[in-house]
């Protein structure tokens, strides 16, 4: 397939295949003034309650169910959440899995991968290092690669979140989505097309889609910041980029400080414990980097709850 073939029809066909293995994550609609935003309705899609703690479960199951898995099993590279998802899906479907993660991955994510029974490999300092190692293993072992964002099945799995959100909360003025490699925003933008404004949100220290749109193609970008284990793959996906060019209306950059403040706001207001990547989209609104007209109804995807920030005594 080409990127243009990651369509609503293919996303719609993917949804019933992966549905038995997923949670239909809830939406919470709140008055914007709960977060200091007067005149706005916020529809928070709590995808951090998904199997494995993020939307990545959708793409992981799509890959393992729509493709032929060889006897050698599957291999994935990840900053953390994709690895957790692939490990979980492999365990559910009784498939052998090896997951490569860089040393920046958080202890919470590393522990979840190990707990699922996948073979965990800690390699390098960044996602790109883990990806190179996973590709080498795939070549030598025959294992099937499950890419974190730049694969058709991954995109179609992510697109089912858009389908689900539209069923739960129709008539949205905008949907805010955090961007790393672009798998989530690519899938959601492919689903909504031009019917709803899809807005990307990136950390200032990891502007992958911003740099790609400026250059007219995917290019290397800085890969740092507070959300580096989930939103800093160095460059946006080749399959993602044409979808983003066509359907993503705007990309907003947010600071690490505003991401941390959004994490705190989610916890203090709703008792939702999101990791930095999970709170980044909300940070665009709270920091006023993205402003909407009074009376708007805006969806914010909160995906990523693999954090040890909350401790119980």
C-alpha atoms as a PDB file:
ATOM      1  CA  UNK A   1       0.000   0.000   0.000  1.00  0.00           C
ATOM      2  CA  UNK A   2       0.921   3.639  -0.398  1.00  0.00           C
ATOM      3  CA  UNK A   3       0.154   6.280   2.242  1.00  0.00           C
ATOM      4  CA  UNK A   4      -2.901   7.414   0.278  1.00  0.00           C
ATOM      5  CA  UNK A   5      -4.387   3.953   0.745  1.00  0.00           C
ATOM      6  CA  UNK A   6      -4.484   4.329   4.546  1.00  0.00           C
ATOM      7  CA  UNK A   7      -8.090   5.370   4.139  1.00  0.00           C
ATOM      8  CA  UNK A   8     -11.277   5.548   6.146  1.00  0.00           C
ATOM      9  CA  UNK A   9     -12.432   2.327   4.504  1.00  0.00           C
ATOM     10  CA  UNK A  10      -9.289   0.432   5.516  1.00  0.00           C
ATOM     11  CA  UNK A  11      -9.415   1.839   9.041  1.00  0.00           C
ATOM     12  CA  UNK A  12     -13.061   0.837   9.277  1.00  0.00           C
ATOM     13  CA  UNK A  13     -12.160  -2.690   8.131  1.00  0.00           C
ATOM     14  CA  UNK A  14      -9.349  -2.909  10.705  1.00  0.00           C
ATOM     15  CA  UNK A  15     -11.525  -1.961  13.658  1.00  0.00           C
ATOM     16  CA  UNK A  16     -13.553  -5.210  14.005  1.00  0.00           C
ATOM     17  CA  UNK A  17     -10.393  -7.294  13.617  1.00  0.00           C
ATOM     18  CA  UNK A  18      -8.669  -5.705  16.607  1.00  0.00           C
ATOM     19  CA  UNK A  19     -11.782  -4.869  18.648  1.00  0.00           C
ATOM     20  CA  UNK A  20     -11.849  -8.130  20.677  1.00  0.00           C
ATOM     21  CA  UNK A  21      -8.428  -7.281  22.099  1.00  0.00           C
ATOM     22  CA  UNK A  22      -8.964  -3.606  22.932  1.00  0.00           C
ATOM     23  CA  UNK A  23     -10.780  -1.444  25.409  1.00  0.00           C
ATOM     24  CA  UNK A  24     -13.190   1.175  24.153  1.00  0.00           C
ATOM     25  CA  UNK A  25     -11.551   3.959  26.107  1.00  0.00           C
ATOM     26  CA  UNK A  26     -13.818   6.603  27.620  1.00  0.00           C
ATOM     27  CA  UNK A  27     -14.184  10.277  26.839  1.00  0.00           C
ATOM     28  CA  UNK A  28     -14.727  12.855  29.556  1.00  0.00           C
ATOM     29  CA  UNK A  29     -16.319  16.133  28.546  1.00  0.00           C
ATOM     30  CA  UNK A  30     -15.511  18.995  30.876  1.00  0.00           C
ATOM     31  CA  UNK A  31     -16.047  22.720  30.994  1.00  0.00           C
ATOM     32  CA  UNK A  32     -12.853  24.440  29.928  1.00  0.00           C
ATOM     33  CA  UNK A  33     -12.925  26.664  32.982  1.00  0.00           C
ATOM     34  CA  UNK A  34     -11.951  23.612  35.054  1.00  0.00           C
ATOM     35  CA  UNK A  35      -8.560  24.109  33.393  1.00  0.00           C
ATOM     36  CA  UNK A  36      -8.693  27.920  33.262  1.00  0.00           C
ATOM     37  CA  UNK A  37     -10.087  28.019  29.713  1.00  0.00           C
ATOM     38  CA  UNK A  38     -13.301  30.016  29.633  1.00  0.00           C
ATOM     39  CA  UNK A  39     -15.905  29.444  26.940  1.00  0.00           C
ATOM     40  CA  UNK A  40     -14.513  26.116  25.708  1.00  0.00           C
ATOM     41  CA  UNK A  41     -15.757  22.548  26.028  1.00  0.00           C
ATOM     42  CA  UNK A  42     -12.991  19.950  26.284  1.00  0.00           C
ATOM     43  CA  UNK A  43     -13.532  16.355  25.218  1.00  0.00           C
ATOM     44  CA  UNK A  44     -10.682  14.333  26.689  1.00  0.00           C
ATOM     45  CA  UNK A  45     -10.143  10.947  25.040  1.00  0.00           C
ATOM     46  CA  UNK A  46      -8.565   8.902  27.837  1.00  0.00           C
ATOM     47  CA  UNK A  47      -6.568   6.528  25.684  1.00  0.00           C
ATOM     48  CA  UNK A  48      -4.076   6.049  28.505  1.00  0.00           C
ATOM     49  CA  UNK A  49      -6.654   3.571  29.870  1.00  0.00           C
ATOM     50  CA  UNK A  50      -6.070   1.382  26.816  1.00  0.00           C
ATOM     51  CA  UNK A  51      -4.495  -2.050  27.025  1.00  0.00           C
ATOM     52  CA  UNK A  52      -0.762  -1.499  27.599  1.00  0.00           C
ATOM     53  CA  UNK A  53      -1.345   2.121  28.684  1.00  0.00           C
ATOM     54  CA  UNK A  54      -1.438   3.868  25.296  1.00  0.00           C
ATOM     55  CA  UNK A  55      -2.932   3.905  21.799  1.00  0.00           C
ATOM     56  CA  UNK A  56       0.010   1.771  20.635  1.00  0.00           C
ATOM     57  CA  UNK A  57      -1.977  -1.388  21.420  1.00  0.00           C
ATOM     58  CA  UNK A  58      -4.156  -0.620  18.392  1.00  0.00           C
ATOM     59  CA  UNK A  59      -1.260  -0.731  15.943  1.00  0.00           C
ATOM     60  CA  UNK A  60       0.389  -3.676  17.646  1.00  0.00           C
ATOM     61  CA  UNK A  61      -2.697  -5.877  17.360  1.00  0.00           C
ATOM     62  CA  UNK A  62      -3.344  -4.676  13.799  1.00  0.00           C
ATOM     63  CA  UNK A  63       0.133  -5.837  12.779  1.00  0.00           C
ATOM     64  CA  UNK A  64      -0.057  -9.204  14.484  1.00  0.00           C
ATOM     65  CA  UNK A  65      -3.576  -9.952  13.235  1.00  0.00           C
ATOM     66  CA  UNK A  66      -3.435  -8.570   9.682  1.00  0.00           C
ATOM     67  CA  UNK A  67       0.029  -9.856   8.738  1.00  0.00           C
ATOM     68  CA  UNK A  68       1.497 -13.350   8.657  1.00  0.00           C
ATOM     69  CA  UNK A  69       3.728 -13.820  11.683  1.00  0.00           C
ATOM     70  CA  UNK A  70       6.719 -16.092  10.947  1.00  0.00           C
ATOM     71  CA  UNK A  71       7.935 -18.828  13.328  1.00  0.00           C
ATOM     72  CA  UNK A  72      10.698 -16.467  14.504  1.00  0.00           C
ATOM     73  CA  UNK A  73       8.038 -14.177  15.922  1.00  0.00           C
ATOM     74  CA  UNK A  74       8.121 -10.390  15.937  1.00  0.00           C
ATOM     75  CA  UNK A  75      10.629  -7.676  16.748  1.00  0.00           C
ATOM     76  CA  UNK A  76      10.017  -4.026  17.595  1.00  0.00           C
ATOM     77  CA  UNK A  77      11.992  -0.927  18.478  1.00  0.00           C
ATOM     78  CA  UNK A  78      10.453   1.574  20.817  1.00  0.00           C
ATOM     79  CA  UNK A  79      10.996   4.455  23.177  1.00  0.00           C
ATOM     80  CA  UNK A  80       8.783   2.435  25.500  1.00  0.00           C
ATOM     81  CA  UNK A  81       5.038   2.518  24.799  1.00  0.00           C
ATOM     82  CA  UNK A  82       5.166   0.698  21.477  1.00  0.00           C
ATOM     83  CA  UNK A  83       7.365  -1.928  23.086  1.00  0.00           C
ATOM     84  CA  UNK A  84       4.867  -2.389  25.898  1.00  0.00           C
ATOM     85  CA  UNK A  85       2.079  -2.735  23.329  1.00  0.00           C
ATOM     86  CA  UNK A  86       3.901  -5.256  21.132  1.00  0.00           C
ATOM     87  CA  UNK A  87       4.901  -7.287  24.188  1.00  0.00           C
ATOM     88  CA  UNK A  88       1.297  -7.291  25.397  1.00  0.00           C
ATOM     89  CA  UNK A  89      -0.132  -8.224  21.989  1.00  0.00           C
ATOM     90  CA  UNK A  90       2.437 -10.976  21.546  1.00  0.00           C
ATOM     91  CA  UNK A  91       1.564 -12.425  24.937  1.00  0.00           C
ATOM     92  CA  UNK A  92      -2.174 -12.340  24.163  1.00  0.00           C
ATOM     93  CA  UNK A  93      -1.681 -14.003  20.782  1.00  0.00           C
ATOM     94  CA  UNK A  94       1.053 -16.394  21.994  1.00  0.00           C
ATOM     95  CA  UNK A  95       3.735 -15.017  19.678  1.00  0.00           C
ATOM     96  CA  UNK A  96       7.460 -14.805  20.416  1.00  0.00           C
ATOM     97  CA  UNK A  97       8.616 -11.182  20.729  1.00  0.00           C
ATOM     98  CA  UNK A  98      11.877  -9.280  21.111  1.00  0.00           C
ATOM     99  CA  UNK A  99      11.748  -5.561  21.958  1.00  0.00           C
ATOM    100  CA  UNK A 100      14.631  -3.091  21.646  1.00  0.00           C
ATOM    101  CA  UNK A 101      14.459   0.089  23.708  1.00  0.00           C
ATOM    102  CA  UNK A 102      17.018   2.868  24.293  1.00  0.00           C
ATOM    103  CA  UNK A 103      18.380   3.624  27.737  1.00  0.00           C
ATOM    104  CA  UNK A 104      16.208   6.754  28.001  1.00  0.00           C
ATOM    105  CA  UNK A 105      13.121   4.545  28.328  1.00  0.00           C
ATOM    106  CA  UNK A 106      11.539   4.942  31.762  1.00  0.00           C
ATOM    107  CA  UNK A 107      11.668   2.192  34.406  1.00  0.00           C
ATOM    108  CA  UNK A 108       7.861   1.930  34.320  1.00  0.00           C
ATOM    109  CA  UNK A 109       7.887   1.033  30.620  1.00  0.00           C
ATOM    110  CA  UNK A 110      10.849  -1.323  30.883  1.00  0.00           C
ATOM    111  CA  UNK A 111       9.145  -3.194  33.719  1.00  0.00           C
ATOM    112  CA  UNK A 112       5.897  -3.557  31.768  1.00  0.00           C
ATOM    113  CA  UNK A 113       7.747  -5.008  28.776  1.00  0.00           C
ATOM    114  CA  UNK A 114       9.541  -7.516  30.990  1.00  0.00           C
ATOM    115  CA  UNK A 115       6.319  -8.408  32.809  1.00  0.00           C
ATOM    116  CA  UNK A 116       4.672  -9.324  29.489  1.00  0.00           C
ATOM    117  CA  UNK A 117       7.341 -11.926  28.817  1.00  0.00           C
ATOM    118  CA  UNK A 118       9.000 -10.340  25.779  1.00  0.00           C
ATOM    119  CA  UNK A 119      12.771 -10.503  25.405  1.00  0.00           C
ATOM    120  CA  UNK A 120      13.984  -7.006  26.294  1.00  0.00           C
ATOM    121  CA  UNK A 121      17.119  -5.494  24.770  1.00  0.00           C
ATOM    122  CA  UNK A 122      18.463  -2.148  26.052  1.00  0.00           C
ATOM    123  CA  UNK A 123      20.442  -0.540  23.214  1.00  0.00           C
ATOM    124  CA  UNK A 124      21.872   2.949  22.724  1.00  0.00           C
ATOM    125  CA  UNK A 125      20.702   6.318  23.913  1.00  0.00           C
ATOM    126  CA  UNK A 126      17.842   7.119  21.506  1.00  0.00           C
ATOM    127  CA  UNK A 127      15.053   5.449  19.563  1.00  0.00           C
ATOM    128  CA  UNK A 128      17.125   5.496  16.365  1.00  0.00           C
ATOM    129  CA  UNK A 129      19.738   3.276  18.045  1.00  0.00           C
ATOM    130  CA  UNK A 130      17.113   0.752  19.087  1.00  0.00           C
ATOM    131  CA  UNK A 131      15.570   0.811  15.614  1.00  0.00           C
ATOM    132  CA  UNK A 132      18.888   0.021  13.910  1.00  0.00           C
ATOM    133  CA  UNK A 133      19.486  -2.890  16.282  1.00  0.00           C
ATOM    134  CA  UNK A 134      15.974  -4.247  15.717  1.00  0.00           C
ATOM    135  CA  UNK A 135      16.413  -4.110  11.933  1.00  0.00           C
ATOM    136  CA  UNK A 136      19.654  -6.053  12.224  1.00  0.00           C
ATOM    137  CA  UNK A 137      17.943  -8.716  14.321  1.00  0.00           C
ATOM    138  CA  UNK A 138      15.052  -8.973  11.859  1.00  0.00           C
ATOM    139  CA  UNK A 139      17.517  -9.545   9.001  1.00  0.00           C
ATOM    140  CA  UNK A 140      19.406 -12.281  10.851  1.00  0.00           C
ATOM    141  CA  UNK A 141      16.492 -14.040  12.565  1.00  0.00           C
ATOM    142  CA  UNK A 142      13.611 -13.730  10.111  1.00  0.00           C
ATOM    143  CA  UNK A 143      11.420 -12.084  12.745  1.00  0.00           C
ATOM    144  CA  UNK A 144       8.663  -9.768  11.509  1.00  0.00           C
ATOM    145  CA  UNK A 145       9.308  -6.096  12.188  1.00  0.00           C
ATOM    146  CA  UNK A 146       6.485  -4.165  13.814  1.00  0.00           C
ATOM    147  CA  UNK A 147       7.285  -0.508  13.253  1.00  0.00           C
ATOM    148  CA  UNK A 148       6.227   1.962  15.920  1.00  0.00           C
ATOM    149  CA  UNK A 149       4.668   4.446  13.494  1.00  0.00           C
ATOM    150  CA  UNK A 150       5.739   4.147   9.851  1.00  0.00           C
ATOM    151  CA  UNK A 151       3.782   1.093   8.741  1.00  0.00           C
ATOM    152  CA  UNK A 152       0.364   0.824   7.143  1.00  0.00           C
ATOM    153  CA  UNK A 153      -1.078  -1.548   9.732  1.00  0.00           C
ATOM    154  CA  UNK A 154       0.260   0.638  12.533  1.00  0.00           C
ATOM    155  CA  UNK A 155      -1.411   3.685  10.999  1.00  0.00           C
ATOM    156  CA  UNK A 156      -4.698   1.897  10.419  1.00  0.00           C
ATOM    157  CA  UNK A 157      -4.702   0.644  13.999  1.00  0.00           C
ATOM    158  CA  UNK A 158      -4.114   4.185  15.246  1.00  0.00           C
ATOM    159  CA  UNK A 159      -6.868   5.405  12.942  1.00  0.00           C
ATOM    160  CA  UNK A 160      -9.410   3.326  14.854  1.00  0.00           C
ATOM    161  CA  UNK A 161      -8.973   5.795  17.709  1.00  0.00           C
ATOM    162  CA  UNK A 162     -10.324   8.501  15.404  1.00  0.00           C
ATOM    163  CA  UNK A 163     -13.236   6.276  14.429  1.00  0.00           C
ATOM    164  CA  UNK A 164     -14.024   5.573  18.073  1.00  0.00           C
ATOM    165  CA  UNK A 165     -13.707   9.210  19.090  1.00  0.00           C
ATOM    166  CA  UNK A 166     -16.098  10.335  16.377  1.00  0.00           C
ATOM    167  CA  UNK A 167     -18.665   7.782  17.527  1.00  0.00           C
ATOM    168  CA  UNK A 168     -18.361   8.977  21.108  1.00  0.00           C
ATOM    169  CA  UNK A 169     -18.171  12.740  20.557  1.00  0.00           C
ATOM    170  CA  UNK A 170     -19.548  14.045  17.291  1.00  0.00           C
ATOM    171  CA  UNK A 171     -19.436  17.679  16.134  1.00  0.00           C
ATOM    172  CA  UNK A 172     -15.891  18.572  17.156  1.00  0.00           C
ATOM    173  CA  UNK A 173     -14.227  21.808  16.101  1.00  0.00           C
ATOM    174  CA  UNK A 174     -10.711  20.427  16.479  1.00  0.00           C
ATOM    175  CA  UNK A 175      -8.789  17.361  17.621  1.00  0.00           C
ATOM    176  CA  UNK A 176      -5.411  17.906  19.319  1.00  0.00           C
ATOM    177  CA  UNK A 177      -2.907  15.070  18.988  1.00  0.00           C
ATOM    178  CA  UNK A 178       0.663  14.750  20.282  1.00  0.00           C
ATOM    179  CA  UNK A 179       3.266  13.934  17.611  1.00  0.00           C
ATOM    180  CA  UNK A 180       6.391  11.815  17.806  1.00  0.00           C
ATOM    181  CA  UNK A 181       6.945   9.695  14.724  1.00  0.00           C
ATOM    182  CA  UNK A 182       3.433  10.581  13.617  1.00  0.00           C
ATOM    183  CA  UNK A 183       1.645   7.244  13.745  1.00  0.00           C
ATOM    184  CA  UNK A 184      -1.198   8.533  15.903  1.00  0.00           C
ATOM    185  CA  UNK A 185      -1.784  11.807  14.083  1.00  0.00           C
ATOM    186  CA  UNK A 186      -1.383  10.045  10.733  1.00  0.00           C
ATOM    187  CA  UNK A 187      -4.079   7.518  11.576  1.00  0.00           C
ATOM    188  CA  UNK A 188      -6.437  10.100  13.085  1.00  0.00           C
ATOM    189  CA  UNK A 189      -5.933  12.528  10.182  1.00  0.00           C
ATOM    190  CA  UNK A 190      -6.575   9.725   7.676  1.00  0.00           C
ATOM    191  CA  UNK A 191      -9.848   9.002   9.459  1.00  0.00           C
ATOM    192  CA  UNK A 192     -11.125  12.573   9.799  1.00  0.00           C
ATOM    193  CA  UNK A 193      -9.710  13.866   6.518  1.00  0.00           C
ATOM    194  CA  UNK A 194     -10.841  17.457   6.108  1.00  0.00           C
ATOM    195  CA  UNK A 195     -14.093  17.027   8.035  1.00  0.00           C
ATOM    196  CA  UNK A 196     -12.528  18.089  11.344  1.00  0.00           C
ATOM    197  CA  UNK A 197      -9.459  20.191  12.050  1.00  0.00           C
ATOM    198  CA  UNK A 198      -6.645  17.900  13.235  1.00  0.00           C
ATOM    199  CA  UNK A 199      -3.858  19.766  15.062  1.00  0.00           C
ATOM    200  CA  UNK A 200      -0.459  18.319  15.945  1.00  0.00           C
ATOM    201  CA  UNK A 201       1.370  19.166  19.154  1.00  0.00           C
ATOM    202  CA  UNK A 202       5.125  18.623  19.524  1.00  0.00           C
ATOM    203  CA  UNK A 203       7.714  19.377  22.197  1.00  0.00           C
ATOM    204  CA  UNK A 204       9.951  22.298  21.258  1.00  0.00           C
ATOM    205  CA  UNK A 205      12.937  19.996  21.745  1.00  0.00           C
ATOM    206  CA  UNK A 206      11.594  17.319  19.359  1.00  0.00           C
ATOM    207  CA  UNK A 207       9.940  19.123  16.405  1.00  0.00           C
ATOM    208  CA  UNK A 208       9.845  16.200  13.953  1.00  0.00           C
ATOM    209  CA  UNK A 209       6.710  17.111  12.000  1.00  0.00           C
ATOM    210  CA  UNK A 210       7.398  20.838  12.190  1.00  0.00           C
ATOM    211  CA  UNK A 211      10.800  20.391  10.564  1.00  0.00           C
ATOM    212  CA  UNK A 212       9.401  18.005   7.960  1.00  0.00           C
ATOM    213  CA  UNK A 213       6.655  20.403   6.907  1.00  0.00           C
ATOM    214  CA  UNK A 214       9.199  23.225   6.651  1.00  0.00           C
ATOM    215  CA  UNK A 215      11.494  21.084   4.479  1.00  0.00           C
ATOM    216  CA  UNK A 216       8.733  19.492   2.417  1.00  0.00           C
ATOM    217  CA  UNK A 217       9.914  15.995   3.413  1.00  0.00           C
ATOM    218  CA  UNK A 218      10.890  14.030   6.528  1.00  0.00           C
ATOM    219  CA  UNK A 219      14.239  15.287   7.862  1.00  0.00           C
ATOM    220  CA  UNK A 220      16.235  14.760  11.036  1.00  0.00           C
ATOM    221  CA  UNK A 221      15.211  16.931  13.977  1.00  0.00           C
ATOM    222  CA  UNK A 222      16.416  17.337  17.551  1.00  0.00           C
ATOM    223  CA  UNK A 223      15.303  14.445  19.758  1.00  0.00           C
ATOM    224  CA  UNK A 224      15.300  15.633  23.339  1.00  0.00           C
ATOM    225  CA  UNK A 225      13.140  16.960  26.113  1.00  0.00           C
ATOM    226  CA  UNK A 226      10.910  15.695  28.877  1.00  0.00           C
ATOM    227  CA  UNK A 227       8.903  13.447  26.531  1.00  0.00           C
ATOM    228  CA  UNK A 228      11.876  12.011  24.633  1.00  0.00           C
ATOM    229  CA  UNK A 229      10.946   8.413  25.425  1.00  0.00           C
ATOM    230  CA  UNK A 230       7.666   8.766  23.508  1.00  0.00           C
ATOM    231  CA  UNK A 231       7.801  11.872  21.276  1.00  0.00           C
ATOM    232  CA  UNK A 232      11.362  12.037  19.948  1.00  0.00           C
ATOM    233  CA  UNK A 233      12.164   9.530  17.189  1.00  0.00           C
ATOM    234  CA  UNK A 234      14.399  12.018  15.278  1.00  0.00           C
ATOM    235  CA  UNK A 235      12.231  12.156  12.152  1.00  0.00           C
ATOM    236  CA  UNK A 236       8.582  11.740  11.209  1.00  0.00           C
ATOM    237  CA  UNK A 237       7.576   8.665   9.219  1.00  0.00           C
ATOM    238  CA  UNK A 238       7.765   8.520   5.416  1.00  0.00           C
ATOM    239  CA  UNK A 239       4.264   7.021   5.216  1.00  0.00           C
ATOM    240  CA  UNK A 240       2.935   9.479   7.774  1.00  0.00           C
ATOM    241  CA  UNK A 241       4.201  12.612   6.079  1.00  0.00           C
ATOM    242  CA  UNK A 242       1.903  12.758   2.999  1.00  0.00           C
ATOM    243  CA  UNK A 243      -1.129  12.253   5.233  1.00  0.00           C
ATOM    244  CA  UNK A 244       0.028  15.074   7.512  1.00  0.00           C
ATOM    245  CA  UNK A 245       0.735  17.357   4.553  1.00  0.00           C
ATOM    246  CA  UNK A 246      -2.764  16.787   3.268  1.00  0.00           C
ATOM    247  CA  UNK A 247      -4.877  16.753   6.410  1.00  0.00           C
ATOM    248  CA  UNK A 248      -3.083  18.201   9.459  1.00  0.00           C
ATOM    249  CA  UNK A 249      -4.162  21.817   9.696  1.00  0.00           C
ATOM    250  CA  UNK A 250      -1.513  23.086  12.079  1.00  0.00           C
ATOM    251  CA  UNK A 251       1.387  21.968  14.278  1.00  0.00           C
ATOM    252  CA  UNK A 252       2.033  23.674  17.612  1.00  0.00           C
ATOM    253  CA  UNK A 253       5.250  23.538  19.651  1.00  0.00           C
ATOM    254  CA  UNK A 254       5.119  23.419  23.455  1.00  0.00           C
ATOM    255  CA  UNK A 255       7.817  23.728  26.112  1.00  0.00           C
ATOM    256  CA  UNK A 256       8.857  21.046  28.571  1.00  0.00           C
ATOM    257  CA  UNK A 257       7.608  23.306  31.360  1.00  0.00           C
ATOM    258  CA  UNK A 258       4.123  23.520  29.841  1.00  0.00           C
ATOM    259  CA  UNK A 259       4.012  19.740  29.388  1.00  0.00           C
ATOM    260  CA  UNK A 260       4.861  19.235  33.050  1.00  0.00           C
ATOM    261  CA  UNK A 261       2.183  21.782  33.996  1.00  0.00           C
ATOM    262  CA  UNK A 262      -0.371  19.890  31.889  1.00  0.00           C
ATOM    263  CA  UNK A 263       0.557  16.665  33.686  1.00  0.00           C
ATOM    264  CA  UNK A 264      -0.047  18.388  37.006  1.00  0.00           C
ATOM    265  CA  UNK A 265      -3.340  19.881  35.795  1.00  0.00           C
ATOM    266  CA  UNK A 266      -4.650  16.486  34.678  1.00  0.00           C
ATOM    267  CA  UNK A 267      -3.800  15.001  38.045  1.00  0.00           C
ATOM    268  CA  UNK A 268      -5.100  17.839  40.223  1.00  0.00           C
ATOM    269  CA  UNK A 269      -8.295  18.354  38.195  1.00  0.00           C
ATOM    270  CA  UNK A 270      -9.291  14.822  37.123  1.00  0.00           C
ATOM    271  CA  UNK A 271      -6.918  12.519  38.998  1.00  0.00           C
ATOM    272  CA  UNK A 272      -5.582  11.345  35.637  1.00  0.00           C
ATOM    273  CA  UNK A 273      -1.899  10.341  35.794  1.00  0.00           C
ATOM    274  CA  UNK A 274      -0.425  10.895  32.327  1.00  0.00           C
ATOM    275  CA  UNK A 275       3.197  10.589  31.295  1.00  0.00           C
ATOM    276  CA  UNK A 276       4.724  13.660  29.580  1.00  0.00           C
ATOM    277  CA  UNK A 277       3.871  12.476  26.057  1.00  0.00           C
ATOM    278  CA  UNK A 278       0.307  11.826  27.178  1.00  0.00           C
ATOM    279  CA  UNK A 279      -0.131  15.386  28.449  1.00  0.00           C
ATOM    280  CA  UNK A 280       1.562  17.211  25.568  1.00  0.00           C
ATOM    281  CA  UNK A 281      -1.596  17.828  23.525  1.00  0.00           C
ATOM    282  CA  UNK A 282      -3.363  19.440  26.484  1.00  0.00           C
ATOM    283  CA  UNK A 283      -0.286  21.601  27.065  1.00  0.00           C
ATOM    284  CA  UNK A 284      -0.975  23.397  23.784  1.00  0.00           C
ATOM    285  CA  UNK A 285      -4.282  24.674  25.162  1.00  0.00           C
ATOM    286  CA  UNK A 286      -3.157  25.419  28.697  1.00  0.00           C
ATOM    287  CA  UNK A 287      -0.107  27.364  27.499  1.00  0.00           C
ATOM    288  CA  UNK A 288      -2.262  29.262  24.956  1.00  0.00           C
ATOM    289  CA  UNK A 289       0.009  28.120  22.123  1.00  0.00           C
ATOM    290  CA  UNK A 290      -3.235  26.939  20.512  1.00  0.00           C
ATOM    291  CA  UNK A 291      -6.248  29.162  21.020  1.00  0.00           C
ATOM    292  CA  UNK A 292      -9.810  28.477  19.985  1.00  0.00           C
ATOM    293  CA  UNK A 293     -12.869  30.667  19.675  1.00  0.00           C
ATOM    294  CA  UNK A 294     -15.356  30.903  22.490  1.00  0.00           C
ATOM    295  CA  UNK A 295     -18.004  28.214  22.186  1.00  0.00           C
ATOM    296  CA  UNK A 296     -15.636  25.716  20.568  1.00  0.00           C
ATOM    297  CA  UNK A 297     -15.707  22.026  21.391  1.00  0.00           C
ATOM    298  CA  UNK A 298     -12.207  20.591  21.241  1.00  0.00           C
ATOM    299  CA  UNK A 299     -11.057  16.988  21.644  1.00  0.00           C
ATOM    300  CA  UNK A 300      -7.694  16.253  23.247  1.00  0.00           C
ATOM    301  CA  UNK A 301      -6.149  12.790  23.015  1.00  0.00           C
ATOM    302  CA  UNK A 302      -4.555  11.794  26.336  1.00  0.00           C
ATOM    303  CA  UNK A 303      -2.457   8.763  25.480  1.00  0.00           C
ATOM    304  CA  UNK A 304       0.360   7.476  27.638  1.00  0.00           C
ATOM    305  CA  UNK A 305      -0.068   6.411  31.244  1.00  0.00           C
ATOM    306  CA  UNK A 306       3.107   4.392  31.726  1.00  0.00           C
ATOM    307  CA  UNK A 307       4.554   6.472  34.508  1.00  0.00           C
ATOM    308  CA  UNK A 308       5.703   5.900  38.059  1.00  0.00           C
ATOM    309  CA  UNK A 309       4.992   9.514  39.001  1.00  0.00           C
ATOM    310  CA  UNK A 310       2.119   8.548  41.340  1.00  0.00           C
ATOM    311  CA  UNK A 311       3.109   6.565  44.403  1.00  0.00           C
ATOM    312  CA  UNK A 312       0.789   5.003  46.953  1.00  0.00           C
ATOM    313  CA  UNK A 313       1.585   4.447  50.614  1.00  0.00           C
END
